Amino acid sequence: MELAVLNFSTNPEGKLEYNTPITNDVLGFLTWERAVETLTKIKELPSNKMED
């Protein structure tokens, strides 16, 4: 399983974000447990969403 942090603030299709506390690249060969742990960390990242 692979995971990456995507940034949708500049591209509606998302682009790989390499500058996060999670990783600086795509994470590969993850176990299910490690994937869930990483997704939790990604969810906790601050949002760049601009409010109307």
C-alpha atoms as a PDB file:
ATOM      1  CA  MET A   1       0.000   0.000   0.000  1.00  0.00           C
ATOM      2  CA  GLU A   2       1.216   3.514  -0.800  1.00  0.00           C
ATOM      3  CA  LEU A   3       0.177   6.878   0.634  1.00  0.00           C
ATOM      4  CA  ALA A   4       1.025  10.457  -0.185  1.00  0.00           C
ATOM      5  CA  VAL A   5      -0.022  13.867   1.088  1.00  0.00           C
ATOM      6  CA  LEU A   6      -1.903  15.791  -1.593  1.00  0.00           C
ATOM      7  CA  ASN A   7      -2.457  19.538  -1.656  1.00  0.00           C
ATOM      8  CA  PHE A   8      -5.680  20.707  -3.316  1.00  0.00           C
ATOM      9  CA  SER A   9      -5.264  24.428  -2.603  1.00  0.00           C
ATOM     10  CA  THR A  10      -3.592  25.189  -5.934  1.00  0.00           C
ATOM     11  CA  ASN A  11      -4.912  22.358  -8.106  1.00  0.00           C
ATOM     12  CA  PRO A  12      -8.431  20.864  -7.872  1.00  0.00           C
ATOM     13  CA  GLU A  13      -7.000  17.468  -8.833  1.00  0.00           C
ATOM     14  CA  GLY A  14      -4.378  17.684  -6.082  1.00  0.00           C
ATOM     15  CA  LYS A  15      -0.614  17.695  -6.301  1.00  0.00           C
ATOM     16  CA  LEU A  16       1.928  15.824  -4.239  1.00  0.00           C
ATOM     17  CA  GLU A  17       3.009  17.817  -1.203  1.00  0.00           C
ATOM     18  CA  TYR A  18       6.628  17.161  -0.285  1.00  0.00           C
ATOM     19  CA  ASN A  19       6.958  19.638   2.580  1.00  0.00           C
ATOM     20  CA  THR A  20       5.004  18.164   5.502  1.00  0.00           C
ATOM     21  CA  PRO A  21       5.877  16.724   8.895  1.00  0.00           C
ATOM     22  CA  ILE A  22       4.454  13.407   7.633  1.00  0.00           C
ATOM     23  CA  THR A  23       6.863  12.731   4.769  1.00  0.00           C
ATOM     24  CA  ASN A  24       8.862  14.320   1.977  1.00  0.00           C
ATOM     25  CA  ASP A  25       7.838  11.661  -0.566  1.00  0.00           C
ATOM     26  CA  VAL A  26       5.331   8.891  -1.275  1.00  0.00           C
ATOM     27  CA  LEU A  27       5.265   6.286   1.499  1.00  0.00           C
ATOM     28  CA  GLY A  28       5.423   2.768   0.077  1.00  0.00           C
ATOM     29  CA  PHE A  29       5.138  -0.815   1.289  1.00  0.00           C
ATOM     30  CA  LEU A  30       2.936   0.139   4.256  1.00  0.00           C
ATOM     31  CA  THR A  31       1.207  -2.389   6.453  1.00  0.00           C
ATOM     32  CA  TRP A  32      -2.484  -1.794   7.154  1.00  0.00           C
ATOM     33  CA  GLU A  33      -1.643  -0.579  10.676  1.00  0.00           C
ATOM     34  CA  ARG A  34       1.010   1.850   9.430  1.00  0.00           C
ATOM     35  CA  ALA A  35      -1.367   3.144   6.749  1.00  0.00           C
ATOM     36  CA  VAL A  36      -4.084   3.875   9.331  1.00  0.00           C
ATOM     37  CA  GLU A  37      -1.532   5.571  11.591  1.00  0.00           C
ATOM     38  CA  THR A  38      -0.287   7.729   8.716  1.00  0.00           C
ATOM     39  CA  LEU A  39      -3.812   8.629   7.557  1.00  0.00           C
ATOM     40  CA  THR A  40      -4.591   9.803  11.083  1.00  0.00           C
ATOM     41  CA  LYS A  41      -1.526  12.061  11.025  1.00  0.00           C
ATOM     42  CA  ILE A  42      -2.481  13.410   7.587  1.00  0.00           C
ATOM     43  CA  LYS A  43      -6.009  14.152   8.817  1.00  0.00           C
ATOM     44  CA  GLU A  44      -4.559  16.180  11.697  1.00  0.00           C
ATOM     45  CA  LEU A  45      -2.485  18.444   9.413  1.00  0.00           C
ATOM     46  CA  PRO A  46      -3.706  22.054   9.272  1.00  0.00           C
ATOM     47  CA  SER A  47      -5.988  22.776   6.357  1.00  0.00           C
ATOM     48  CA  ASN A  48      -5.079  25.270   3.654  1.00  0.00           C
ATOM     49  CA  LYS A  49      -8.737  25.538   2.712  1.00  0.00           C
ATOM     50  CA  MET A  50      -9.793  29.104   2.121  1.00  0.00           C
ATOM     51  CA  GLU A  51     -13.178  29.936   3.639  1.00  0.00           C
ATOM     52  CA  ASP A  52     -15.651  32.090   1.716  1.00  0.00           C
END
